[in-house]
Amino acid sequence: MPEYSVTWTLDVEAGTPRLAALAALAIQRDPASWATVFTVHTDNGDVVVDLHPDQTGPSGSQPPTT
């Protein structure tokens, strides 16, 4: 089975790196959050996947964004 590196990126204002990480974690764990877009790094390039239930398309995957 292949292995993938998956990233989720957002900009957060905070006083320290730890507070920024805590803010990101709170957003990620919020059930009402729309933080559902991930970049999956593959051998063939990056794929952006949106797991939001209203996302169009059968797989929820989008072409890489620049």
PDB file of N, CA and C in Angstrom:
ATOM      1  N   MET A   1       0.858  -1.157   0.000  1.00  0.00           N
ATOM      2  CA  MET A   1       0.000   0.000   0.000  1.00  0.00           C
ATOM      3  C   MET A   1       0.918   1.238   0.000  1.00  0.00           C
ATOM      4  N   PRO A   2       0.623   2.238  -0.846  1.00  0.00           N
ATOM      5  CA  PRO A   2       1.481   3.425  -0.898  1.00  0.00           C
ATOM      6  C   PRO A   2       1.349   4.287   0.353  1.00  0.00           C
ATOM      7  N   GLU A   3       2.401   5.054   0.616  1.00  0.00           N
ATOM      8  CA  GLU A   3       2.395   6.016   1.711  1.00  0.00           C
ATOM      9  C   GLU A   3       2.299   7.413   1.126  1.00  0.00           C
ATOM     10  N   TYR A   4       1.591   8.299   1.828  1.00  0.00           N
ATOM     11  CA  TYR A   4       1.414   9.677   1.375  1.00  0.00           C
ATOM     12  C   TYR A   4       1.777  10.635   2.497  1.00  0.00           C
ATOM     13  N   SER A   5       2.263  11.784   2.108  1.00  0.00           N
ATOM     14  CA  SER A   5       2.440  12.888   3.044  1.00  0.00           C
ATOM     15  C   SER A   5       1.247  13.806   2.841  1.00  0.00           C
ATOM     16  N   VAL A   6       0.543  14.122   3.920  1.00  0.00           N
ATOM     17  CA  VAL A   6      -0.663  14.941   3.839  1.00  0.00           C
ATOM     18  C   VAL A   6      -0.460  16.183   4.689  1.00  0.00           C
ATOM     19  N   THR A   7      -0.773  17.347   4.113  1.00  0.00           N
ATOM     20  CA  THR A   7      -0.637  18.596   4.856  1.00  0.00           C
ATOM     21  C   THR A   7      -1.949  19.361   4.853  1.00  0.00           C
ATOM     22  N   TRP A   8      -2.122  20.118   5.907  1.00  0.00           N
ATOM     23  CA  TRP A   8      -3.269  21.020   6.071  1.00  0.00           C
ATOM     24  C   TRP A   8      -2.665  22.329   6.526  1.00  0.00           C
ATOM     25  N   THR A   9      -2.898  23.389   5.776  1.00  0.00           N
ATOM     26  CA  THR A   9      -2.234  24.656   6.041  1.00  0.00           C
ATOM     27  C   THR A   9      -3.261  25.763   6.238  1.00  0.00           C
ATOM     28  N   LEU A  10      -3.013  26.610   7.220  1.00  0.00           N
ATOM     29  CA  LEU A  10      -3.822  27.799   7.406  1.00  0.00           C
ATOM     30  C   LEU A  10      -2.970  28.870   8.064  1.00  0.00           C
ATOM     31  N   ASP A  11      -3.390  30.104   7.935  1.00  0.00           N
ATOM     32  CA  ASP A  11      -2.709  31.224   8.573  1.00  0.00           C
ATOM     33  C   ASP A  11      -3.427  31.557   9.869  1.00  0.00           C
ATOM     34  N   VAL A  12      -2.642  31.705  10.935  1.00  0.00           N
ATOM     35  CA  VAL A  12      -3.190  31.987  12.259  1.00  0.00           C
ATOM     36  C   VAL A  12      -2.378  33.109  12.889  1.00  0.00           C
ATOM     37  N   GLU A  13      -3.055  34.077  13.479  1.00  0.00           N
ATOM     38  CA  GLU A  13      -2.368  35.115  14.253  1.00  0.00           C
ATOM     39  C   GLU A  13      -2.317  34.665  15.700  1.00  0.00           C
ATOM     40  N   ALA A  14      -1.114  34.714  16.290  1.00  0.00           N
ATOM     41  CA  ALA A  14      -0.954  34.290  17.679  1.00  0.00           C
ATOM     42  C   ALA A  14       0.322  34.889  18.236  1.00  0.00           C
ATOM     43  N   GLY A  15       0.409  34.934  19.555  1.00  0.00           N
ATOM     44  CA  GLY A  15       1.571  35.526  20.213  1.00  0.00           C
ATOM     45  C   GLY A  15       2.811  34.656  20.213  1.00  0.00           C
ATOM     46  N   THR A  16       2.632  33.324  20.112  1.00  0.00           N
ATOM     47  CA  THR A  16       3.768  32.409  20.134  1.00  0.00           C
ATOM     48  C   THR A  16       3.478  31.244  19.185  1.00  0.00           C
ATOM     49  N   PRO A  17       4.508  30.503  18.785  1.00  0.00           N
ATOM     50  CA  PRO A  17       4.265  29.309  17.956  1.00  0.00           C
ATOM     51  C   PRO A  17       3.328  28.309  18.634  1.00  0.00           C
ATOM     52  N   ARG A  18       3.467  28.134  19.959  1.00  0.00           N
ATOM     53  CA  ARG A  18       2.590  27.206  20.666  1.00  0.00           C
ATOM     54  C   ARG A  18       1.132  27.652  20.613  1.00  0.00           C
ATOM     55  N   LEU A  19       0.892  28.949  20.811  1.00  0.00           N
ATOM     56  CA  LEU A  19      -0.479  29.466  20.732  1.00  0.00           C
ATOM     57  C   LEU A  19      -1.029  29.327  19.313  1.00  0.00           C
ATOM     58  N   ALA A  20      -0.178  29.480  18.310  1.00  0.00           N
ATOM     59  CA  ALA A  20      -0.613  29.289  16.920  1.00  0.00           C
ATOM     60  C   ALA A  20      -1.023  27.836  16.690  1.00  0.00           C
ATOM     61  N   ALA A  21      -0.228  26.908  17.206  1.00  0.00           N
ATOM     62  CA  ALA A  21      -0.562  25.492  17.067  1.00  0.00           C
ATOM     63  C   ALA A  21      -1.862  25.163  17.798  1.00  0.00           C
ATOM     64  N   LEU A  22      -2.051  25.721  18.976  1.00  0.00           N
ATOM     65  CA  LEU A  22      -3.292  25.488  19.722  1.00  0.00           C
ATOM     66  C   LEU A  22      -4.504  26.058  18.986  1.00  0.00           C
ATOM     67  N   ALA A  23      -4.340  27.227  18.372  1.00  0.00           N
ATOM     68  CA  ALA A  23      -5.437  27.825  17.596  1.00  0.00           C
ATOM     69  C   ALA A  23      -5.778  26.947  16.392  1.00  0.00           C
ATOM     70  N   ALA A  24      -4.755  26.439  15.709  1.00  0.00           N
ATOM     71  CA  ALA A  24      -4.988  25.565  14.558  1.00  0.00           C
ATOM     72  C   ALA A  24      -5.682  24.278  14.992  1.00  0.00           C
ATOM     73  N   LEU A  25      -5.261  23.715  16.109  1.00  0.00           N
ATOM     74  CA  LEU A  25      -5.883  22.496  16.618  1.00  0.00           C
ATOM     75  C   LEU A  25      -7.351  22.738  16.951  1.00  0.00           C
ATOM     76  N   ALA A  26      -7.652  23.876  17.557  1.00  0.00           N
ATOM     77  CA  ALA A  26      -9.046  24.195  17.889  1.00  0.00           C
ATOM     78  C   ALA A  26      -9.894  24.305  16.628  1.00  0.00           C
ATOM     79  N   ILE A  27      -9.356  24.916  15.593  1.00  0.00           N
ATOM     80  CA  ILE A  27     -10.084  25.033  14.325  1.00  0.00           C
ATOM     81  C   ILE A  27     -10.294  23.659  13.709  1.00  0.00           C
ATOM     82  N   GLN A  28      -9.257  22.846  13.720  1.00  0.00           N
ATOM     83  CA  GLN A  28      -9.338  21.515  13.125  1.00  0.00           C
ATOM     84  C   GLN A  28     -10.351  20.628  13.842  1.00  0.00           C
ATOM     85  N   ARG A  29     -10.456  20.760  15.148  1.00  0.00           N
ATOM     86  CA  ARG A  29     -11.362  19.902  15.935  1.00  0.00           C
ATOM     87  C   ARG A  29     -12.781  20.440  16.054  1.00  0.00           C
ATOM     88  N   ASP A  30     -13.007  21.661  15.620  1.00  0.00           N
ATOM     89  CA  ASP A  30     -14.333  22.270  15.699  1.00  0.00           C
ATOM     90  C   ASP A  30     -15.274  21.545  14.740  1.00  0.00           C
ATOM     91  N   PRO A  31     -16.350  20.934  15.228  1.00  0.00           N
ATOM     92  CA  PRO A  31     -17.263  20.199  14.347  1.00  0.00           C
ATOM     93  C   PRO A  31     -17.901  21.075  13.270  1.00  0.00           C
ATOM     94  N   ALA A  32     -17.995  22.367  13.507  1.00  0.00           N
ATOM     95  CA  ALA A  32     -18.580  23.268  12.515  1.00  0.00           C
ATOM     96  C   ALA A  32     -17.533  23.833  11.555  1.00  0.00           C
ATOM     97  N   SER A  33     -16.291  23.434  11.722  1.00  0.00           N
ATOM     98  CA  SER A  33     -15.197  23.968  10.907  1.00  0.00           C
ATOM     99  C   SER A  33     -15.301  23.507   9.462  1.00  0.00           C
ATOM    100  N   TRP A  34     -14.892  24.390   8.560  1.00  0.00           N
ATOM    101  CA  TRP A  34     -14.817  24.049   7.145  1.00  0.00           C
ATOM    102  C   TRP A  34     -13.379  23.707   6.787  1.00  0.00           C
ATOM    103  N   ALA A  35     -12.556  23.368   7.751  1.00  0.00           N
ATOM    104  CA  ALA A  35     -11.153  23.019   7.524  1.00  0.00           C
ATOM    105  C   ALA A  35     -11.082  21.589   7.000  1.00  0.00           C
ATOM    106  N   THR A  36     -11.496  21.410   5.760  1.00  0.00           N
ATOM    107  CA  THR A  36     -11.625  20.077   5.189  1.00  0.00           C
ATOM    108  C   THR A  36     -10.767  19.882   3.941  1.00  0.00           C
ATOM    109  N   VAL A  37      -9.880  20.826   3.647  1.00  0.00           N
ATOM    110  CA  VAL A  37      -9.074  20.746   2.434  1.00  0.00           C
ATOM    111  C   VAL A  37      -7.647  20.346   2.807  1.00  0.00           C
ATOM    112  N   PHE A  38      -7.152  19.310   2.162  1.00  0.00           N
ATOM    113  CA  PHE A  38      -5.824  18.778   2.435  1.00  0.00           C
ATOM    114  C   PHE A  38      -5.036  18.679   1.137  1.00  0.00           C
ATOM    115  N   THR A  39      -3.731  18.844   1.222  1.00  0.00           N
ATOM    116  CA  THR A  39      -2.851  18.594   0.091  1.00  0.00           C
ATOM    117  C   THR A  39      -2.180  17.249   0.330  1.00  0.00           C
ATOM    118  N   VAL A  40      -2.365  16.342  -0.617  1.00  0.00           N
ATOM    119  CA  VAL A  40      -1.759  15.023  -0.542  1.00  0.00           C
ATOM    120  C   VAL A  40      -0.592  15.008  -1.532  1.00  0.00           C
ATOM    121  N   HIS A  41       0.594  14.757  -1.015  1.00  0.00           N
ATOM    122  CA  HIS A  41       1.799  14.761  -1.831  1.00  0.00           C
ATOM    123  C   HIS A  41       2.047  13.334  -2.325  1.00  0.00           C
ATOM    124  N   THR A  42       2.058  13.172  -3.646  1.00  0.00           N
ATOM    125  CA  THR A  42       2.250  11.858  -4.248  1.00  0.00           C
ATOM    126  C   THR A  42       3.508  11.865  -5.110  1.00  0.00           C
ATOM    127  N   ASP A  43       3.907  10.692  -5.572  1.00  0.00           N
ATOM    128  CA  ASP A  43       5.047  10.593  -6.483  1.00  0.00           C
ATOM    129  C   ASP A  43       4.778  11.305  -7.800  1.00  0.00           C
ATOM    130  N   ASN A  44       3.513  11.466  -8.143  1.00  0.00           N
ATOM    131  CA  ASN A  44       3.133  12.111  -9.403  1.00  0.00           C
ATOM    132  C   ASN A  44       2.751  13.570  -9.232  1.00  0.00           C
ATOM    133  N   GLY A  45       2.995  14.141  -8.078  1.00  0.00           N
ATOM    134  CA  GLY A  45       2.645  15.533  -7.825  1.00  0.00           C
ATOM    135  C   GLY A  45       1.654  15.648  -6.683  1.00  0.00           C
ATOM    136  N   ASP A  46       1.258  16.870  -6.419  1.00  0.00           N
ATOM    137  CA  ASP A  46       0.340  17.141  -5.318  1.00  0.00           C
ATOM    138  C   ASP A  46      -1.105  17.095  -5.789  1.00  0.00           C
ATOM    139  N   VAL A  47      -1.968  16.593  -4.923  1.00  0.00           N
ATOM    140  CA  VAL A  47      -3.408  16.546  -5.188  1.00  0.00           C
ATOM    141  C   VAL A  47      -4.099  17.242  -4.026  1.00  0.00           C
ATOM    142  N   VAL A  48      -4.990  18.186  -4.333  1.00  0.00           N
ATOM    143  CA  VAL A  48      -5.770  18.863  -3.306  1.00  0.00           C
ATOM    144  C   VAL A  48      -7.093  18.122  -3.176  1.00  0.00           C
ATOM    145  N   VAL A  49      -7.406  17.686  -1.944  1.00  0.00           N
ATOM    146  CA  VAL A  49      -8.625  16.925  -1.685  1.00  0.00           C
ATOM    147  C   VAL A  49      -9.483  17.714  -0.707  1.00  0.00           C
ATOM    148  N   ASP A  50     -10.734  17.973  -1.103  1.00  0.00           N
ATOM    149  CA  ASP A  50     -11.690  18.670  -0.246  1.00  0.00           C
ATOM    150  C   ASP A  50     -12.702  17.646   0.247  1.00  0.00           C
ATOM    151  N   LEU A  51     -12.725  17.406   1.543  1.00  0.00           N
ATOM    152  CA  LEU A  51     -13.613  16.411   2.122  1.00  0.00           C
ATOM    153  C   LEU A  51     -14.943  16.983   2.602  1.00  0.00           C
ATOM    154  N   HIS A  52     -15.211  18.240   2.273  1.00  0.00           N
ATOM    155  CA  HIS A  52     -16.492  18.837   2.661  1.00  0.00           C
ATOM    156  C   HIS A  52     -17.607  18.070   1.961  1.00  0.00           C
ATOM    157  N   PRO A  53     -18.659  17.716   2.667  1.00  0.00           N
ATOM    158  CA  PRO A  53     -19.716  16.889   2.066  1.00  0.00           C
ATOM    159  C   PRO A  53     -20.419  17.526   0.878  1.00  0.00           C
ATOM    160  N   ASP A  54     -20.392  18.837   0.745  1.00  0.00           N
ATOM    161  CA  ASP A  54     -21.047  19.489  -0.388  1.00  0.00           C
ATOM    162  C   ASP A  54     -20.119  19.647  -1.583  1.00  0.00           C
ATOM    163  N   GLN A  55     -18.882  19.159  -1.487  1.00  0.00           N
ATOM    164  CA  GLN A  55     -17.914  19.269  -2.573  1.00  0.00           C
ATOM    165  C   GLN A  55     -18.419  18.488  -3.782  1.00  0.00           C
ATOM    166  N   THR A  56     -18.303  19.089  -4.963  1.00  0.00           N
ATOM    167  CA  THR A  56     -18.735  18.393  -6.174  1.00  0.00           C
ATOM    168  C   THR A  56     -17.691  17.384  -6.598  1.00  0.00           C
ATOM    169  N   GLY A  57     -18.119  16.419  -7.370  1.00  0.00           N
ATOM    170  CA  GLY A  57     -17.209  15.404  -7.880  1.00  0.00           C
ATOM    171  C   GLY A  57     -17.296  14.127  -7.057  1.00  0.00           C
ATOM    172  N   PRO A  58     -17.092  12.986  -7.702  1.00  0.00           N
ATOM    173  CA  PRO A  58     -17.269  11.716  -7.002  1.00  0.00           C
ATOM    174  C   PRO A  58     -16.246  11.473  -5.902  1.00  0.00           C
ATOM    175  N   SER A  59     -15.015  11.960  -6.062  1.00  0.00           N
ATOM    176  CA  SER A  59     -14.001  11.658  -5.065  1.00  0.00           C
ATOM    177  C   SER A  59     -13.717  12.805  -4.140  1.00  0.00           C
ATOM    178  N   GLY A  60     -14.231  13.989  -4.460  1.00  0.00           N
ATOM    179  CA  GLY A  60     -13.918  15.146  -3.666  1.00  0.00           C
ATOM    180  C   GLY A  60     -12.541  15.694  -3.956  1.00  0.00           C
ATOM    181  N   SER A  61     -11.855  15.138  -4.953  1.00  0.00           N
ATOM    182  CA  SER A  61     -10.511  15.596  -5.249  1.00  0.00           C
ATOM    183  C   SER A  61     -10.526  16.675  -6.321  1.00  0.00           C
ATOM    184  N   GLN A  62      -9.581  17.555  -6.213  1.00  0.00           N
ATOM    185  CA  GLN A  62      -9.433  18.667  -7.145  1.00  0.00           C
ATOM    186  C   GLN A  62      -8.043  18.604  -7.733  1.00  0.00           C
ATOM    187  N   PRO A  63      -7.835  19.203  -8.916  1.00  0.00           N
ATOM    188  CA  PRO A  63      -6.474  19.267  -9.442  1.00  0.00           C
ATOM    189  C   PRO A  63      -5.612  20.128  -8.541  1.00  0.00           C
ATOM    190  N   PRO A  64      -4.296  19.960  -8.591  1.00  0.00           N
ATOM    191  CA  PRO A  64      -3.407  20.765  -7.760  1.00  0.00           C
ATOM    192  C   PRO A  64      -3.638  22.244  -7.981  1.00  0.00           C
ATOM    193  N   THR A  65      -3.570  23.019  -6.904  1.00  0.00           N
ATOM    194  CA  THR A  65      -3.718  24.461  -7.015  1.00  0.00           C
ATOM    195  C   THR A  65      -2.349  25.092  -6.970  1.00  0.00           C
ATOM    196  N   THR A  66      -2.246  26.263  -7.557  1.00  0.00           N
ATOM    197  CA  THR A  66      -0.966  26.959  -7.538  1.00  0.00           C
ATOM    198  C   THR A  66      -1.093  28.262  -6.799  1.00  0.00           C
TER     199      THR A  66
END
